[in-house]
Protein backbone atom coordinates (compact mmCIF):
# COMPACT_ATOMS: atom_id res chain seq x y z
CA MET A 1 24.37 -13.12 66.95
CA ASN A 2 25.49 -16.36 68.96
CA ASN A 3 23.88 -19.79 68.33
CA GLN A 4 21.53 -19.32 71.20
CA GLU A 5 20.29 -16.41 69.31
CA VAL A 6 20.19 -18.02 65.95
CA LYS A 7 18.04 -21.26 67.37
CA VAL A 8 15.43 -19.11 69.23
CA ASN A 9 15.04 -16.83 65.99
CA THR A 10 14.91 -20.28 63.78
CA ARG A 11 12.00 -21.54 66.00
CA LYS A 12 10.39 -18.31 65.70
CA GLN A 13 10.45 -18.11 62.04
CA ASP A 14 9.32 -22.28 62.28
CA GLU A 15 6.63 -21.02 64.44
CA VAL A 16 5.14 -18.02 61.99
CA VAL A 17 5.57 -20.41 58.92
CA THR A 18 3.75 -22.86 60.45
CA ASN A 19 0.73 -20.93 61.85
CA ARG A 20 0.54 -19.38 58.25
CA ILE A 21 -0.16 -22.91 56.91
CA LEU A 22 -2.78 -23.71 59.60
CA VAL A 23 -4.83 -20.29 58.52
CA VAL A 24 -4.35 -21.39 54.70
CA PHE A 25 -5.15 -24.92 55.18
CA SER A 26 -8.17 -23.95 57.77
CA LEU A 27 -9.45 -21.06 55.01
CA SER A 28 -9.54 -23.98 52.57
CA LEU A 29 -11.48 -26.14 54.48
CA LEU A 30 -13.93 -23.43 54.99
CA LEU A 31 -14.14 -22.53 51.47
CA LEU A 32 -14.49 -26.13 50.21
CA LEU A 33 -17.46 -26.11 52.81
CA ALA A 34 -18.92 -22.91 51.75
CA VAL A 35 -18.75 -24.45 48.06
CA LEU A 36 -20.72 -27.61 49.41
CA LEU A 37 -23.49 -25.70 50.97
CA ILE A 38 -23.80 -23.87 48.12
CA SER A 39 -24.23 -26.93 45.84
CA ARG A 40 -26.85 -27.91 48.12
CA TYR A 41 -28.72 -24.71 47.93
CA MET A 42 -28.38 -24.58 44.22
CA ASN A 43 -30.04 -28.21 44.15
CA SER A 44 -33.54 -26.45 45.20
CA LEU A 45 -33.18 -23.41 42.86
CA SER A 46 -33.94 -22.90 39.35
CA TYR A 47 -31.54 -22.53 36.43
CA TYR A 48 -32.05 -18.37 36.63
CA GLU A 49 -32.70 -18.18 40.68
CA THR A 50 -29.15 -20.23 40.41
CA LEU A 51 -27.99 -17.33 38.20
CA THR A 52 -28.97 -14.57 40.23
CA PHE A 53 -27.82 -16.01 43.42
CA CYS A 54 -24.64 -16.24 42.29
CA THR A 55 -24.46 -12.70 40.51
CA ILE A 56 -25.63 -11.19 44.14
CA ALA A 57 -23.61 -13.19 46.43
CA SER A 58 -20.20 -12.79 44.35
CA ALA A 59 -20.86 -8.89 43.74
CA SER A 60 -21.69 -8.76 47.46
CA PHE A 61 -18.17 -10.46 48.61
CA GLY A 62 -16.89 -8.73 46.06
CA ALA A 63 -17.61 -5.71 47.38
CA ILE A 64 -16.65 -6.67 50.89
CA GLY A 65 -13.42 -8.04 49.95
CA ALA A 66 -12.28 -4.83 47.81
CA ALA A 67 -13.65 -2.64 51.23
CA LEU A 68 -11.15 -4.45 53.57
CA VAL A 69 -8.25 -4.50 50.96
CA ILE A 70 -9.15 -0.56 50.75
CA LEU A 71 -8.86 -0.32 54.39
CA ALA A 72 -5.74 -2.52 55.10
CA LEU A 73 -3.87 0.05 52.52
CA ILE A 74 -5.13 2.81 54.69
CA MET A 75 -4.34 1.26 57.73
CA TYR A 76 -0.85 0.48 56.45
CA LYS A 77 0.92 3.65 57.66
CA LYS A 78 -0.97 4.29 60.54
CA ASP A 79 -0.55 0.33 61.91
CA ALA A 80 3.39 0.54 63.13
CA ALA A 81 2.86 -3.02 64.00
CA GLY A 82 1.19 -4.11 60.72
CA ILE A 83 -0.96 -6.22 62.56
CA TRP A 84 -4.11 -4.92 61.46
CA PHE A 85 -3.05 -4.59 57.71
CA LYS A 86 -2.28 -8.32 57.66
CA ARG A 87 -5.39 -9.27 59.12
CA LEU A 88 -7.64 -7.13 56.99
CA LEU A 89 -5.52 -7.97 54.20
CA MET A 90 -6.08 -11.62 54.86
CA PHE A 91 -9.83 -11.62 55.17
CA GLY A 92 -10.45 -9.40 52.16
CA GLY A 93 -8.01 -11.63 50.00
CA PHE A 94 -10.11 -14.38 51.41
CA ALA A 95 -13.72 -12.63 50.37
CA LEU A 96 -12.02 -11.84 46.91
CA ILE A 97 -11.55 -15.47 46.61
CA VAL A 98 -14.86 -16.16 47.27
CA ALA A 99 -16.32 -13.99 45.02
CA SER A 100 -14.18 -15.19 42.46
CA VAL A 101 -15.24 -19.17 43.14
CA LEU A 102 -19.07 -17.60 43.09
CA LEU A 103 -18.46 -15.97 39.73
CA TYR A 104 -16.78 -19.02 38.41
CA ILE A 105 -19.68 -20.93 39.54
CA ARG A 106 -22.20 -18.12 38.14
CA LEU A 107 -20.27 -19.14 34.74
CA TYR A 108 -20.06 -22.35 34.57
CA THR A 109 -23.16 -23.37 37.01
CA PHE A 110 -22.76 -27.22 38.23
CA ARG A 111 -19.90 -27.89 36.00
CA SER A 112 -17.49 -26.03 38.08
CA PHE A 113 -17.95 -27.86 41.48
CA SER A 114 -15.84 -30.81 40.34
CA VAL A 115 -13.20 -28.29 39.84
CA LEU A 116 -13.43 -26.52 42.74
CA TYR A 117 -12.99 -29.61 44.86
CA VAL A 118 -9.75 -30.39 43.36
CA ALA A 119 -8.45 -26.73 42.93
CA ILE A 120 -8.84 -25.99 46.24
CA PRO A 121 -7.11 -28.43 48.10
CA ILE A 122 -3.90 -28.17 45.48
CA THR A 123 -3.91 -24.53 46.03
CA ALA A 124 -3.29 -25.07 49.67
CA PHE A 125 -0.48 -28.17 49.27
CA LEU A 126 1.15 -25.32 47.01
CA TYR A 127 1.32 -22.97 49.57
CA MET A 128 2.91 -25.32 51.89
CA ILE A 129 5.24 -26.64 49.65
CA PHE A 130 6.04 -22.92 48.92
CA SER A 131 6.45 -22.02 52.59
CA ILE A 132 8.73 -25.08 53.72
CA TYR A 133 10.61 -26.51 50.87
CA GLN A 134 13.11 -24.55 48.85
CA ARG A 135 11.80 -22.53 45.97
CA ASP A 136 13.51 -24.83 43.15
CA PHE A 137 10.98 -27.66 44.32
CA PHE A 138 8.00 -25.40 44.58
CA TYR A 139 9.23 -24.58 40.32
CA GLN A 140 9.37 -27.87 39.40
CA THR A 141 6.07 -28.97 41.40
CA ILE A 142 4.40 -26.39 39.21
CA ILE A 143 5.73 -27.71 35.84
CA ALA A 144 5.22 -31.33 36.59
CA GLY A 145 1.49 -30.52 37.62
CA CYS A 146 0.93 -28.62 34.55
CA THR A 147 2.58 -31.28 32.71
CA ALA A 148 0.06 -33.78 34.06
CA SER A 149 -3.00 -31.56 33.71
CA THR A 150 -2.23 -31.66 29.85
CA LEU A 151 -1.62 -35.07 29.54
CA TYR A 152 -4.98 -35.70 31.26
CA ALA A 153 -6.68 -33.58 28.96
CA PHE A 154 -4.97 -35.15 26.22
CA SER A 155 -6.06 -38.83 27.23
CA ARG A 156 -9.53 -37.46 28.03
CA TRP A 157 -10.60 -34.90 25.34
CA LEU A 158 -8.44 -35.26 22.33
CA HIS A 159 -11.45 -37.13 20.38
CA TYR A 160 -14.07 -34.72 21.30
CA ARG A 161 -15.20 -31.91 18.98
CA PRO A 162 -13.98 -29.04 19.53
CA TRP A 163 -12.00 -30.17 22.06
CA GLY A 164 -9.78 -32.37 20.28
CA MET A 165 -7.88 -29.07 18.66
CA ILE A 166 -8.09 -27.07 21.69
CA VAL A 167 -5.70 -30.18 23.38
CA HIS A 168 -3.57 -29.99 20.37
CA ILE A 169 -3.13 -26.15 20.82
CA THR A 170 -2.27 -26.73 24.66
CA TYR A 171 0.01 -29.50 23.60
CA ILE A 172 1.84 -27.24 21.27
CA ALA A 173 1.93 -24.22 23.91
CA ALA A 174 3.10 -26.71 26.88
CA ILE A 175 6.17 -27.96 24.42
CA THR A 176 7.02 -24.06 23.92
CA LEU A 177 6.47 -23.10 27.07
CA LEU A 178 9.03 -26.00 28.40
CA VAL A 179 11.75 -24.95 25.85
CA ALA A 180 11.08 -21.32 26.95
CA ALA A 181 11.73 -22.34 30.64
CA VAL A 182 15.01 -24.54 29.92
CA VAL A 183 16.54 -21.37 28.24
CA PHE A 184 15.12 -19.14 31.26
CA LEU A 185 16.37 -21.37 33.31
CA MET A 186 19.86 -20.99 31.59
CA VAL A 187 19.62 -17.31 31.63
CA LEU A 188 18.96 -17.43 35.76
CA LYS A 189 22.23 -20.03 36.06
CA SER A 190 24.42 -17.74 34.44
CA ARG A 191 23.13 -14.65 36.82
CA LYS A 192 23.20 -17.07 39.95
CA GLY A 193 19.42 -17.17 40.40
CA THR A 194 18.55 -13.22 40.60
CA LEU A 195 16.83 -11.71 37.74
CA GLY A 196 17.39 -8.04 38.20
CA ASN A 197 17.19 -7.22 41.84
CA ILE A 198 15.22 -10.40 42.43
CA LYS A 199 16.30 -13.48 44.06
CA LEU A 200 14.42 -16.33 42.10
CA LEU A 201 16.58 -19.20 43.06
CA PRO A 202 18.15 -19.83 46.34
CA TYR A 203 22.17 -20.41 46.02
CA ASN A 204 21.92 -23.88 46.40
CA THR A 205 19.33 -24.59 43.89
CA ASN A 206 20.18 -27.68 42.45
CA TYR A 207 20.31 -26.43 38.31
CA HIS A 208 21.15 -30.26 37.07
CA LEU A 209 18.09 -31.73 38.99
CA MET A 210 15.99 -28.80 37.46
CA PHE A 211 17.46 -29.45 33.95
CA SER A 212 16.44 -32.81 34.16
CA THR A 213 12.59 -32.19 35.23
CA LEU A 214 12.35 -30.18 32.49
CA GLY A 215 13.83 -32.63 30.06
CA ILE A 216 11.85 -35.49 31.31
CA MET A 217 8.53 -33.13 31.15
CA LEU A 218 9.06 -32.47 27.68
CA LEU A 219 9.98 -35.92 26.63
CA THR A 220 6.75 -37.05 28.14
CA ILE A 221 4.62 -35.02 25.98
CA VAL A 222 6.65 -35.21 22.95
CA THR A 223 6.65 -38.99 23.12
CA VAL A 224 2.80 -38.85 24.20
CA LEU A 225 2.02 -36.52 20.94
CA SER A 226 3.82 -38.93 18.83
CA ILE A 227 2.60 -42.17 19.95
CA GLY A 228 -1.03 -41.33 21.23
CA SER A 229 -3.40 -40.56 23.63
CA GLY A 230 -3.63 -44.15 24.45
CA ILE A 231 -0.27 -43.61 26.92
CA ALA A 232 -1.43 -40.37 27.91
CA PHE A 233 -3.03 -41.88 31.32
CA TRP A 234 -0.07 -43.63 31.99
CA ALA A 235 2.16 -40.95 31.51
CA MET A 236 0.27 -38.73 33.75
CA ILE A 237 0.75 -41.37 36.93
CA GLY A 238 4.46 -41.97 35.77
CA VAL A 239 4.71 -37.63 36.24
CA PHE A 240 2.98 -38.11 39.50
CA GLY A 241 5.55 -40.60 40.26
CA TYR A 242 8.58 -38.39 39.51
CA LEU A 243 6.89 -35.83 41.56
CA PHE A 244 6.83 -37.96 44.68
CA VAL A 245 10.56 -38.97 44.07
CA LEU A 246 11.34 -35.15 43.97
CA ALA A 247 9.07 -34.77 47.03
CA VAL A 248 11.30 -37.43 49.37
CA TYR A 249 14.49 -36.15 47.73
CA TYR A 250 13.55 -32.57 49.09
CA THR A 251 12.37 -33.90 52.47
CA ILE A 252 15.36 -35.73 53.45
CA LYS A 253 17.28 -32.34 52.39
CA LEU A 254 15.35 -30.46 54.87
CA ILE A 255 16.47 -32.72 57.62
């Protein structure tokens, strides 16, 4: 394969990735609009009418999504190009996501909307990072995001019962998971990023940076736990600042 063919293939791959990101962000926007309309509609309903509406709507979208996924699996063998398989799977998955959102609203009612307004855009941005950047940056983004969420919970709910005990348990779990992640990363490094037949990290992974990220997140959580919740919010801001520095570093590597 000559250089011209390589450039053409690379351009085609970039177009496919760009189209997928556009579809994901469009669906996320539609989902946010749907949540907004549902919240407006639920304001006019009583509590029991709200539960009935969410139950029926969740079951309906769940049935539609399951039917589309089953139809996609049936079309998998018949559709040689895989076009209808991908379309049906995409719309079926979207319907199942809507059903899950409605079920979440059914369980937590109006307290769920503020969470959804944040969770949906974050999911879209994580997909963009997963599609464009190196896989190791995606993993570090997840780790930093979970650390920031833990710090936010520590600063906000520590002094409220029974949330204080739950936050402490979450903190201990976060420290345990970070230590386990360090050990797991050492195993991956010794196996060149491969676990079994699955390639989890690319060959050009910056393991030193990944170890540094895990160490910084672990040190931040232990420090805040030792000093108190007074600095948890500012520590969370620091974690986001570190994530921004990582984003700049990996963006430069793309150029």
